[in-house]
Amino acid sequence: MKRTSLVLAALLVGVALAGAQDGAQGLLVKRLGVTEKQAAAFLAIYTDSAADLAKARAEVNVQKAILARLLLEADANEREVEKILRQAVEAEVQVRMIQIRRELAARRLL
């Protein structure tokens, strides 16, 4: 039940990020039975980290593109490949950590 509530809440946050924040807050209150204050805090958790998450995801894509281009070379430098791969993995860790922080903060609210 709690997992379903978190998934529903995350979907509602998507609506909020699309510009219907007041409606999403109302839906959180209605569907999850949380207070207006809790709903506002929940939305703040997701909106406050949205830019950081987008940047981290973009960095993952950039590093993967660089790696793909590097691997097209017949004489690709293994050290350079490893360096770019590590940067891509670090960016993926950042994405996942943002997601984990969001979920943990959301759990504390419910």
N, C-alpha and C. Protein backbone atom coordinates (compact mmCIF):
# COMPACT_ATOMS: atom_id res chain seq x y z
N MET A 1 0.83 -1.20 0.00
CA MET A 1 0.00 0.00 0.00
C MET A 1 0.87 1.25 0.00
N LYS A 2 1.89 1.25 0.85
CA LYS A 2 2.76 2.41 0.94
C LYS A 2 3.52 2.61 -0.37
N ARG A 3 3.95 1.52 -0.99
CA ARG A 3 4.67 1.60 -2.26
C ARG A 3 3.75 2.14 -3.34
N THR A 4 2.51 1.71 -3.37
CA THR A 4 1.53 2.21 -4.33
C THR A 4 1.31 3.70 -4.11
N SER A 5 1.25 4.10 -2.86
CA SER A 5 1.06 5.52 -2.55
C SER A 5 2.22 6.35 -3.06
N LEU A 6 3.44 5.84 -2.89
CA LEU A 6 4.61 6.57 -3.38
C LEU A 6 4.62 6.66 -4.90
N VAL A 7 4.22 5.59 -5.57
CA VAL A 7 4.16 5.61 -7.03
C VAL A 7 3.11 6.61 -7.49
N LEU A 8 1.94 6.58 -6.87
CA LEU A 8 0.89 7.53 -7.21
C LEU A 8 1.37 8.96 -6.97
N ALA A 9 2.02 9.16 -5.86
CA ALA A 9 2.52 10.49 -5.55
C ALA A 9 3.55 10.94 -6.57
N ALA A 10 4.42 10.05 -6.99
CA ALA A 10 5.43 10.41 -8.00
C ALA A 10 4.76 10.78 -9.32
N LEU A 11 3.72 10.06 -9.69
CA LEU A 11 2.99 10.40 -10.92
C LEU A 11 2.34 11.77 -10.79
N LEU A 12 1.80 12.05 -9.65
CA LEU A 12 1.17 13.35 -9.43
C LEU A 12 2.19 14.47 -9.47
N VAL A 13 3.40 14.17 -9.02
CA VAL A 13 4.46 15.18 -9.08
C VAL A 13 4.77 15.50 -10.54
N GLY A 14 4.73 14.49 -11.39
CA GLY A 14 4.94 14.73 -12.81
C GLY A 14 3.93 15.72 -13.35
N VAL A 15 2.71 15.60 -12.92
CA VAL A 15 1.67 16.56 -13.31
C VAL A 15 2.03 17.94 -12.77
N ALA A 16 2.49 17.98 -11.55
CA ALA A 16 2.85 19.27 -10.93
C ALA A 16 3.98 19.94 -11.69
N LEU A 17 4.96 19.16 -12.08
CA LEU A 17 6.09 19.72 -12.81
C LEU A 17 5.68 20.21 -14.19
N ALA A 18 4.60 19.67 -14.69
CA ALA A 18 4.10 20.10 -15.98
C ALA A 18 3.29 21.40 -15.87
N GLY A 19 3.12 21.91 -14.68
CA GLY A 19 2.48 23.20 -14.52
C GLY A 19 1.17 23.21 -13.77
N ALA A 20 0.73 22.09 -13.30
CA ALA A 20 -0.55 22.02 -12.59
C ALA A 20 -0.31 21.71 -11.12
N GLN A 21 0.56 22.47 -10.48
CA GLN A 21 0.97 22.16 -9.12
C GLN A 21 -0.19 22.21 -8.13
N ASP A 22 -1.07 23.19 -8.24
CA ASP A 22 -2.20 23.27 -7.31
C ASP A 22 -3.10 22.05 -7.44
N GLY A 23 -3.34 21.61 -8.67
CA GLY A 23 -4.17 20.43 -8.89
C GLY A 23 -3.52 19.18 -8.33
N ALA A 24 -2.22 19.06 -8.51
CA ALA A 24 -1.51 17.89 -8.00
C ALA A 24 -1.53 17.87 -6.48
N GLN A 25 -1.39 19.03 -5.89
CA GLN A 25 -1.42 19.10 -4.42
C GLN A 25 -2.78 18.66 -3.92
N GLY A 26 -3.83 19.11 -4.58
CA GLY A 26 -5.18 18.70 -4.20
C GLY A 26 -5.39 17.20 -4.35
N LEU A 27 -4.85 16.63 -5.43
CA LEU A 27 -4.97 15.19 -5.63
C LEU A 27 -4.20 14.41 -4.57
N LEU A 28 -3.04 14.91 -4.19
CA LEU A 28 -2.29 14.24 -3.12
C LEU A 28 -3.10 14.23 -1.82
N VAL A 29 -3.70 15.36 -1.53
CA VAL A 29 -4.51 15.46 -0.31
C VAL A 29 -5.69 14.49 -0.39
N LYS A 30 -6.35 14.48 -1.52
CA LYS A 30 -7.55 13.65 -1.68
C LYS A 30 -7.22 12.15 -1.73
N ARG A 31 -6.25 11.77 -2.57
CA ARG A 31 -5.96 10.35 -2.79
C ARG A 31 -5.16 9.71 -1.67
N LEU A 32 -4.22 10.46 -1.12
CA LEU A 32 -3.36 9.86 -0.10
C LEU A 32 -3.79 10.20 1.31
N GLY A 33 -4.70 11.14 1.43
CA GLY A 33 -5.18 11.52 2.75
C GLY A 33 -4.14 12.28 3.56
N VAL A 34 -3.27 12.99 2.88
CA VAL A 34 -2.26 13.78 3.59
C VAL A 34 -2.79 15.20 3.77
N THR A 35 -2.13 15.94 4.62
CA THR A 35 -2.54 17.33 4.84
C THR A 35 -2.02 18.20 3.70
N GLU A 36 -2.55 19.41 3.61
CA GLU A 36 -2.08 20.36 2.60
C GLU A 36 -0.59 20.63 2.79
N LYS A 37 -0.18 20.73 4.04
CA LYS A 37 1.23 21.00 4.34
C LYS A 37 2.12 19.83 3.88
N GLN A 38 1.67 18.60 4.14
CA GLN A 38 2.43 17.43 3.70
C GLN A 38 2.50 17.38 2.17
N ALA A 39 1.38 17.66 1.51
CA ALA A 39 1.35 17.64 0.05
C ALA A 39 2.29 18.69 -0.53
N ALA A 40 2.29 19.87 0.05
CA ALA A 40 3.18 20.93 -0.41
C ALA A 40 4.64 20.52 -0.20
N ALA A 41 4.93 19.91 0.93
CA ALA A 41 6.30 19.47 1.22
C ALA A 41 6.72 18.37 0.24
N PHE A 42 5.80 17.47 -0.05
CA PHE A 42 6.09 16.39 -0.99
C PHE A 42 6.41 16.96 -2.37
N LEU A 43 5.59 17.88 -2.83
CA LEU A 43 5.84 18.50 -4.14
C LEU A 43 7.16 19.26 -4.14
N ALA A 44 7.48 19.91 -3.04
CA ALA A 44 8.74 20.65 -2.94
C ALA A 44 9.94 19.72 -3.06
N ILE A 45 9.84 18.54 -2.48
CA ILE A 45 10.93 17.57 -2.56
C ILE A 45 11.26 17.29 -4.03
N TYR A 46 10.23 17.07 -4.82
CA TYR A 46 10.43 16.71 -6.22
C TYR A 46 10.79 17.92 -7.09
N THR A 47 10.16 19.03 -6.87
CA THR A 47 10.45 20.19 -7.72
C THR A 47 11.82 20.78 -7.41
N ASP A 48 12.23 20.74 -6.15
CA ASP A 48 13.53 21.30 -5.78
C ASP A 48 14.69 20.53 -6.40
N SER A 49 14.50 19.24 -6.61
CA SER A 49 15.59 18.43 -7.16
C SER A 49 15.45 18.16 -8.66
N ALA A 50 14.41 18.69 -9.27
CA ALA A 50 14.17 18.41 -10.69
C ALA A 50 15.31 18.89 -11.58
N ALA A 51 15.81 20.09 -11.34
CA ALA A 51 16.89 20.62 -12.18
C ALA A 51 18.17 19.80 -12.02
N ASP A 52 18.49 19.43 -10.77
CA ASP A 52 19.69 18.62 -10.53
C ASP A 52 19.58 17.26 -11.20
N LEU A 53 18.40 16.68 -11.15
CA LEU A 53 18.18 15.39 -11.78
C LEU A 53 18.31 15.50 -13.29
N ALA A 54 17.76 16.54 -13.87
CA ALA A 54 17.85 16.74 -15.33
C ALA A 54 19.31 16.92 -15.75
N LYS A 55 20.07 17.68 -14.97
CA LYS A 55 21.49 17.89 -15.28
C LYS A 55 22.27 16.58 -15.19
N ALA A 56 22.00 15.81 -14.16
CA ALA A 56 22.71 14.53 -14.00
C ALA A 56 22.36 13.56 -15.13
N ARG A 57 21.10 13.52 -15.52
CA ARG A 57 20.70 12.65 -16.64
C ARG A 57 21.35 13.11 -17.94
N ALA A 58 21.42 14.42 -18.13
CA ALA A 58 22.07 14.95 -19.33
C ALA A 58 23.54 14.57 -19.34
N GLU A 59 24.18 14.63 -18.19
CA GLU A 59 25.60 14.26 -18.10
C GLU A 59 25.80 12.79 -18.45
N VAL A 60 24.91 11.93 -18.00
CA VAL A 60 24.98 10.51 -18.36
C VAL A 60 24.92 10.37 -19.87
N ASN A 61 23.99 11.06 -20.50
CA ASN A 61 23.84 10.97 -21.96
C ASN A 61 25.07 11.50 -22.68
N VAL A 62 25.63 12.59 -22.20
CA VAL A 62 26.84 13.15 -22.82
C VAL A 62 27.98 12.16 -22.74
N GLN A 63 28.21 11.60 -21.55
CA GLN A 63 29.32 10.67 -21.38
C GLN A 63 29.13 9.41 -22.23
N LYS A 64 27.91 8.94 -22.34
CA LYS A 64 27.65 7.76 -23.18
C LYS A 64 27.91 8.07 -24.65
N ALA A 65 27.55 9.27 -25.08
CA ALA A 65 27.80 9.66 -26.47
C ALA A 65 29.30 9.77 -26.74
N ILE A 66 30.02 10.36 -25.80
CA ILE A 66 31.49 10.47 -25.95
C ILE A 66 32.11 9.08 -26.02
N LEU A 67 31.65 8.20 -25.15
CA LEU A 67 32.16 6.83 -25.13
C LEU A 67 31.87 6.11 -26.44
N ALA A 68 30.65 6.25 -26.92
CA ALA A 68 30.27 5.60 -28.18
C ALA A 68 31.14 6.11 -29.32
N ARG A 69 31.37 7.41 -29.37
CA ARG A 69 32.21 7.97 -30.43
C ARG A 69 33.65 7.46 -30.30
N LEU A 70 34.14 7.41 -29.08
CA LEU A 70 35.49 6.94 -28.84
C LEU A 70 35.65 5.48 -29.27
N LEU A 71 34.64 4.67 -29.01
CA LEU A 71 34.72 3.25 -29.35
C LEU A 71 34.61 2.99 -30.85
N LEU A 72 34.21 3.98 -31.61
CA LEU A 72 34.16 3.83 -33.07
C LEU A 72 35.56 3.89 -33.69
N GLU A 73 36.49 4.45 -32.96
CA GLU A 73 37.86 4.54 -33.46
C GLU A 73 38.52 3.16 -33.43
N ALA A 74 39.25 2.86 -34.48
CA ALA A 74 39.91 1.56 -34.58
C ALA A 74 40.98 1.39 -33.51
N ASP A 75 41.66 2.47 -33.17
CA ASP A 75 42.73 2.39 -32.19
C ASP A 75 42.36 3.16 -30.91
N ALA A 76 41.21 2.86 -30.37
CA ALA A 76 40.72 3.55 -29.17
C ALA A 76 41.68 3.33 -28.01
N ASN A 77 41.97 4.39 -27.30
CA ASN A 77 42.86 4.37 -26.15
C ASN A 77 42.09 3.81 -24.95
N GLU A 78 42.57 2.70 -24.42
CA GLU A 78 41.86 2.05 -23.31
C GLU A 78 41.78 2.94 -22.08
N ARG A 79 42.81 3.69 -21.80
CA ARG A 79 42.79 4.58 -20.64
C ARG A 79 41.71 5.66 -20.80
N GLU A 80 41.61 6.18 -22.00
CA GLU A 80 40.59 7.20 -22.27
C GLU A 80 39.19 6.60 -22.17
N VAL A 81 39.03 5.38 -22.68
CA VAL A 81 37.75 4.67 -22.59
C VAL A 81 37.38 4.48 -21.12
N GLU A 82 38.34 4.04 -20.32
CA GLU A 82 38.08 3.82 -18.89
C GLU A 82 37.71 5.13 -18.19
N LYS A 83 38.41 6.18 -18.52
CA LYS A 83 38.14 7.49 -17.91
C LYS A 83 36.71 7.94 -18.22
N ILE A 84 36.32 7.85 -19.47
CA ILE A 84 34.96 8.27 -19.87
C ILE A 84 33.92 7.35 -19.25
N LEU A 85 34.21 6.06 -19.22
CA LEU A 85 33.28 5.10 -18.61
C LEU A 85 33.08 5.40 -17.13
N ARG A 86 34.14 5.72 -16.42
CA ARG A 86 34.03 6.06 -15.01
C ARG A 86 33.21 7.34 -14.81
N GLN A 87 33.38 8.30 -15.69
CA GLN A 87 32.60 9.54 -15.60
C GLN A 87 31.12 9.25 -15.84
N ALA A 88 30.82 8.36 -16.79
CA ALA A 88 29.43 7.99 -17.06
C ALA A 88 28.82 7.28 -15.85
N VAL A 89 29.57 6.38 -15.25
CA VAL A 89 29.08 5.65 -14.08
C VAL A 89 28.86 6.61 -12.91
N GLU A 90 29.77 7.54 -12.72
CA GLU A 90 29.62 8.52 -11.64
C GLU A 90 28.36 9.36 -11.85
N ALA A 91 28.10 9.74 -13.08
CA ALA A 91 26.88 10.51 -13.37
C ALA A 91 25.63 9.66 -13.10
N GLU A 92 25.70 8.36 -13.42
CA GLU A 92 24.57 7.47 -13.13
C GLU A 92 24.35 7.33 -11.63
N VAL A 93 25.44 7.30 -10.87
CA VAL A 93 25.33 7.24 -9.41
C VAL A 93 24.63 8.50 -8.91
N GLN A 94 24.98 9.65 -9.46
CA GLN A 94 24.35 10.90 -9.04
C GLN A 94 22.85 10.87 -9.32
N VAL A 95 22.46 10.37 -10.49
CA VAL A 95 21.03 10.25 -10.82
C VAL A 95 20.34 9.37 -9.79
N ARG A 96 20.90 8.23 -9.52
CA ARG A 96 20.28 7.29 -8.59
C ARG A 96 20.21 7.86 -7.18
N MET A 97 21.25 8.57 -6.75
CA MET A 97 21.25 9.15 -5.41
C MET A 97 20.17 10.22 -5.27
N ILE A 98 19.96 11.01 -6.31
CA ILE A 98 18.88 12.01 -6.27
C ILE A 98 17.54 11.30 -6.12
N GLN A 99 17.36 10.23 -6.88
CA GLN A 99 16.11 9.47 -6.79
C GLN A 99 15.92 8.86 -5.41
N ILE A 100 16.99 8.32 -4.85
CA ILE A 100 16.91 7.71 -3.51
C ILE A 100 16.61 8.77 -2.46
N ARG A 101 17.27 9.91 -2.54
CA ARG A 101 17.01 10.98 -1.57
C ARG A 101 15.55 11.42 -1.63
N ARG A 102 15.03 11.52 -2.85
CA ARG A 102 13.61 11.90 -3.02
C ARG A 102 12.71 10.89 -2.33
N GLU A 103 12.96 9.62 -2.60
CA GLU A 103 12.08 8.58 -2.04
C GLU A 103 12.17 8.54 -0.52
N LEU A 104 13.36 8.67 0.01
CA LEU A 104 13.51 8.66 1.47
C LEU A 104 12.82 9.86 2.10
N ALA A 105 12.95 11.02 1.48
CA ALA A 105 12.28 12.22 2.00
C ALA A 105 10.77 12.05 1.92
N ALA A 106 10.29 11.46 0.84
CA ALA A 106 8.84 11.24 0.67
C ALA A 106 8.33 10.27 1.73
N ARG A 107 9.10 9.22 2.00
CA ARG A 107 8.69 8.25 3.01
C ARG A 107 8.55 8.89 4.40
N ARG A 108 9.46 9.81 4.68
CA ARG A 108 9.41 10.48 5.99
C ARG A 108 8.13 11.31 6.12
N LEU A 109 7.60 11.77 5.00
CA LEU A 109 6.37 12.57 5.06
C LEU A 109 5.13 11.73 5.29
N LEU A 110 5.15 10.51 4.79
CA LEU A 110 3.93 9.67 4.87
C LEU A 110 3.85 8.88 6.12
